[in-house]
Amino acid sequence: MNILRIDASARLERSLTRKLATHFLETLLASTPDSEVAKRDVGVTPPGFLTEAWIAAAFTPEKQRTAQDRRVLAESDKLIAEVKAADLILIATPLYNYGMPASLKAWFDQVVRIGQTFSFDLSRGDVPIEPTLSGKTLVILTSSGEFGFEPGGIRHADDHLVPHIQTVAKYLGAETVEIIRIEYQEFGDQRHDHSVEHAFQNATACAQKLTRSMMKHGAHR
């Protein structure tokens, strides 16, 4: 199995999402030691923001692109290749100001691209955009200072991170999405401790479940 790990936290040693992602992967790799992990740390090295030149190059047919167009799209090409190669995409990201970190948004803007991760055809009527990737699993690990962002929670309407990722997940080829949350970080009380403990337990269970699923599907190939 090919795994793509994306870290978006600006923190390093103090990052809860980084620690949770490492725990998830260690659990998964214990049962699938032959898996390969590609790491993309957008929290440390953010992708470039889109520019007018990028948009022009992306919408220019490939055979008509200039050398400059190809240089402009080089980073996007590399990031998209990582997504295409992955069977499982692991996104570890904090909730910043009720949404995703700018670095993670920049990553999505680089990989959601016409002719690469979606096609556009007006003959489809009012739904001209169609994803071109499929068959992948997406695991979202998040942390937040407050709490109640889950469906039905008191701050569900304020969560612009997980719903945003779920909306664009289809352009990553994600057909299965798992979500694990750490909350109460700014409170620093017992509720936070329980949330961290529960998240690590959920990460273990999720990794084991995915391992069983992979072994089951592998046995029926």
Protein backbone atom coordinates (compact mmCIF):
# COMPACT_ATOMS: atom_id res chain seq x y z
CA MET A 1 0.00 0.00 0.00
CA ASN A 2 1.17 3.50 -0.82
CA ILE A 3 0.46 6.11 1.84
CA LEU A 4 0.69 9.89 1.49
CA ARG A 5 1.05 11.73 4.80
CA ILE A 6 0.33 15.46 4.81
CA ASP A 7 1.10 17.54 7.90
CA ALA A 8 -0.30 21.06 8.06
CA SER A 9 0.46 22.22 11.60
CA ALA A 10 2.78 25.19 12.02
CA ARG A 11 3.96 23.53 15.23
CA LEU A 12 6.52 20.75 15.31
CA GLU A 13 7.22 19.05 18.66
CA ARG A 14 4.11 20.52 20.28
CA SER A 15 1.77 19.49 17.46
CA LEU A 16 -0.95 17.08 18.52
CA THR A 17 -1.93 16.24 14.95
CA ARG A 18 1.65 15.29 14.09
CA LYS A 19 1.82 12.97 17.10
CA LEU A 20 -1.56 11.47 16.25
CA ALA A 21 -0.51 10.91 12.64
CA THR A 22 2.70 9.19 13.73
CA HIS A 23 0.74 6.91 16.07
CA PHE A 24 -1.75 6.07 13.31
CA LEU A 25 1.03 5.20 10.87
CA GLU A 26 2.99 3.17 13.39
CA THR A 27 -0.12 1.09 14.08
CA LEU A 28 -0.85 0.65 10.38
CA LEU A 29 2.73 -0.20 9.44
CA ALA A 30 3.01 -2.78 12.22
CA SER A 31 0.63 -4.95 10.18
CA THR A 32 1.63 -3.74 6.71
CA PRO A 33 5.43 -3.35 6.89
CA ASP A 34 5.73 -3.40 3.11
CA SER A 35 3.72 -0.20 2.76
CA GLU A 36 5.51 2.87 1.46
CA VAL A 37 5.01 6.28 3.03
CA ALA A 38 5.51 9.57 1.19
CA LYS A 39 5.59 12.66 3.41
CA ARG A 40 4.52 16.15 2.45
CA ASP A 41 4.91 18.73 5.23
CA VAL A 42 3.00 21.80 4.11
CA GLY A 43 3.17 23.22 7.61
CA VAL A 44 6.95 23.59 7.29
CA THR A 45 7.18 24.06 3.52
CA PRO A 46 3.94 25.57 2.19
CA PRO A 47 3.15 25.18 -1.52
CA GLY A 48 2.99 28.32 -3.61
CA PHE A 49 -0.24 30.25 -3.96
CA LEU A 50 -2.01 30.26 -7.30
CA THR A 51 -1.16 33.07 -9.69
CA GLU A 52 -2.59 34.33 -12.95
CA ALA A 53 0.28 32.59 -14.76
CA TRP A 54 -0.57 29.30 -13.00
CA ILE A 55 -4.23 29.50 -13.99
CA ALA A 56 -3.36 30.35 -17.59
CA ALA A 57 -0.91 27.44 -17.79
CA ALA A 58 -3.33 24.96 -16.21
CA PHE A 59 -6.08 25.83 -18.70
CA THR A 60 -3.72 25.70 -21.68
CA PRO A 61 -3.84 22.32 -23.47
CA GLU A 62 -0.74 20.33 -22.56
CA LYS A 63 0.64 20.18 -26.11
CA GLN A 64 0.40 23.96 -26.38
CA ARG A 65 2.21 24.80 -23.13
CA THR A 66 5.43 26.73 -23.27
CA ALA A 67 8.54 25.94 -21.28
CA GLN A 68 7.50 28.71 -18.88
CA ASP A 69 4.04 27.14 -18.48
CA ARG A 70 5.68 23.84 -17.53
CA ARG A 71 7.91 25.55 -14.99
CA VAL A 72 4.90 27.28 -13.44
CA LEU A 73 3.09 23.94 -13.10
CA ALA A 74 6.11 21.92 -11.95
CA GLU A 75 5.20 22.03 -8.25
CA SER A 76 1.59 21.14 -9.01
CA ASP A 77 2.72 18.23 -11.17
CA LYS A 78 4.83 16.86 -8.33
CA LEU A 79 2.08 17.17 -5.72
CA ILE A 80 -0.51 15.60 -8.02
CA ALA A 81 1.83 12.68 -8.76
CA GLU A 82 2.02 12.00 -5.02
CA VAL A 83 -1.77 11.97 -4.77
CA LYS A 84 -2.18 9.69 -7.78
CA ALA A 85 0.35 7.20 -6.38
CA ALA A 86 -1.37 6.97 -2.99
CA ASP A 87 -3.87 4.34 -1.90
CA LEU A 88 -4.37 6.07 1.44
CA ILE A 89 -4.07 9.81 2.09
CA LEU A 90 -3.54 10.92 5.68
CA ILE A 91 -4.15 14.60 6.39
CA ALA A 92 -3.13 15.81 9.85
CA THR A 93 -4.26 19.38 10.36
CA PRO A 94 -5.25 21.76 13.14
CA LEU A 95 -8.32 23.95 12.97
CA TYR A 96 -7.09 27.53 12.48
CA ASN A 97 -9.68 30.28 12.88
CA TYR A 98 -12.45 27.74 12.18
CA GLY A 99 -10.96 26.68 8.85
CA MET A 100 -7.96 25.01 7.29
CA PRO A 101 -4.43 26.45 7.53
CA ALA A 102 -3.50 28.58 4.52
CA SER A 103 -0.72 26.12 3.71
CA LEU A 104 -3.20 23.25 3.40
CA LYS A 105 -5.54 25.34 1.27
CA ALA A 106 -2.57 26.11 -1.00
CA TRP A 107 -1.91 22.37 -1.29
CA PHE A 108 -5.50 21.67 -2.31
CA ASP A 109 -5.38 24.50 -4.85
CA GLN A 110 -2.27 22.95 -6.39
CA VAL A 111 -3.69 19.42 -6.68
CA VAL A 112 -7.30 20.10 -7.66
CA ARG A 113 -6.57 20.82 -11.30
CA ILE A 114 -8.37 20.50 -14.59
CA GLY A 115 -7.15 17.62 -16.73
CA GLN A 116 -5.41 16.03 -13.74
CA THR A 117 -7.85 15.43 -10.92
CA PHE A 118 -11.06 16.51 -12.64
CA SER A 119 -12.49 16.91 -16.11
CA PHE A 120 -14.73 19.71 -17.33
CA ASP A 121 -17.34 19.15 -20.01
CA LEU A 122 -20.30 21.48 -20.59
CA SER A 123 -22.16 18.68 -22.37
CA ARG A 124 -22.87 17.35 -18.86
CA GLY A 125 -25.22 20.27 -18.32
CA ASP A 126 -25.26 21.83 -14.87
CA VAL A 127 -22.69 19.33 -13.53
CA PRO A 128 -19.74 19.82 -15.89
CA ILE A 129 -17.03 18.96 -13.34
CA GLU A 130 -16.26 15.29 -12.74
CA PRO A 131 -13.47 13.78 -10.59
CA THR A 132 -11.04 11.55 -12.45
CA LEU A 133 -9.41 9.74 -9.51
CA SER A 134 -11.07 7.04 -7.41
CA GLY A 135 -10.55 4.12 -5.06
CA LYS A 136 -8.63 5.91 -2.32
CA THR A 137 -9.10 6.18 1.44
CA LEU A 138 -8.76 9.52 3.21
CA VAL A 139 -8.06 9.79 6.94
CA ILE A 140 -8.49 13.26 8.48
CA LEU A 141 -6.86 13.92 11.86
CA THR A 142 -7.73 17.27 13.42
CA SER A 143 -7.20 19.24 16.62
CA SER A 144 -9.04 22.30 17.88
CA GLY A 145 -8.87 24.64 20.84
CA GLU A 146 -12.62 24.54 21.39
CA PHE A 147 -15.07 21.64 21.17
CA GLY A 148 -18.41 20.58 19.72
CA PHE A 149 -17.50 20.73 16.02
CA GLU A 150 -18.83 17.26 15.26
CA PRO A 151 -22.22 16.87 13.51
CA GLY A 152 -24.86 17.87 16.04
CA GLY A 153 -22.27 19.60 18.25
CA ILE A 154 -22.74 23.12 19.58
CA ARG A 155 -20.14 24.51 17.17
CA HIS A 156 -20.91 22.31 14.18
CA ALA A 157 -21.82 25.35 12.04
CA ASP A 158 -18.45 26.93 12.87
CA ASP A 159 -16.42 24.03 11.47
CA HIS A 160 -15.14 25.10 8.07
CA LEU A 161 -12.26 22.62 8.10
CA VAL A 162 -13.66 19.09 7.93
CA PRO A 163 -16.66 19.95 5.70
CA HIS A 164 -14.31 21.78 3.32
CA ILE A 165 -11.97 18.78 3.11
CA GLN A 166 -14.92 16.42 2.66
CA THR A 167 -16.23 18.56 -0.20
CA VAL A 168 -12.97 18.48 -2.16
CA ALA A 169 -12.03 14.92 -1.12
CA LYS A 170 -13.63 13.53 -4.27
CA TYR A 171 -10.95 15.28 -6.30
CA LEU A 172 -8.34 13.31 -4.37
CA GLY A 173 -10.13 10.13 -5.40
CA ALA A 174 -11.34 9.49 -1.84
CA GLU A 175 -14.22 7.04 -1.66
CA THR A 176 -13.84 6.31 2.06
CA VAL A 177 -13.29 9.08 4.61
CA GLU A 178 -12.39 8.58 8.28
CA ILE A 179 -12.35 11.50 10.75
CA ILE A 180 -10.65 11.62 14.16
CA ARG A 181 -10.74 14.75 16.32
CA ILE A 182 -8.87 16.14 19.32
CA GLU A 183 -10.72 18.96 21.10
CA TYR A 184 -10.58 21.22 24.19
CA GLN A 185 -6.89 22.07 23.58
CA GLU A 186 -7.20 25.68 24.80
CA PHE A 187 -9.01 24.55 27.96
CA GLY A 188 -6.20 22.23 28.97
CA ASP A 189 -8.40 20.42 31.47
CA GLN A 190 -9.47 16.84 32.02
CA ARG A 191 -11.79 17.01 29.04
CA HIS A 192 -8.81 17.70 26.81
CA ASP A 193 -6.89 14.78 28.32
CA HIS A 194 -9.84 12.50 27.66
CA SER A 195 -10.18 13.83 24.12
CA VAL A 196 -6.52 13.12 23.37
CA GLU A 197 -6.76 9.63 24.85
CA HIS A 198 -9.93 8.90 22.93
CA ALA A 199 -8.41 10.17 19.66
CA PHE A 200 -5.38 7.92 20.01
CA GLN A 201 -7.66 4.97 20.74
CA ASN A 202 -9.73 5.82 17.67
CA ALA A 203 -6.58 6.11 15.56
CA THR A 204 -5.50 2.65 16.66
CA ALA A 205 -8.93 1.19 15.88
CA CYS A 206 -9.09 2.97 12.52
CA ALA A 207 -5.65 1.74 11.46
CA GLN A 208 -6.52 -1.82 12.49
CA LYS A 209 -9.85 -1.65 10.65
CA LEU A 210 -8.15 -0.42 7.47
CA THR A 211 -5.55 -3.17 7.78
CA ARG A 212 -8.25 -5.84 8.04
CA SER A 213 -10.05 -4.35 5.06
CA MET A 214 -6.88 -4.38 2.95
CA MET A 215 -6.10 -7.97 3.91
CA LYS A 216 -9.66 -9.04 3.10
CA HIS A 217 -9.62 -7.39 -0.31
CA GLY A 218 -6.15 -8.75 -1.01
CA ALA A 219 -7.32 -12.27 -0.26
CA HIS A 220 -10.09 -11.98 -2.86
CA ARG A 221 -8.00 -10.65 -5.71
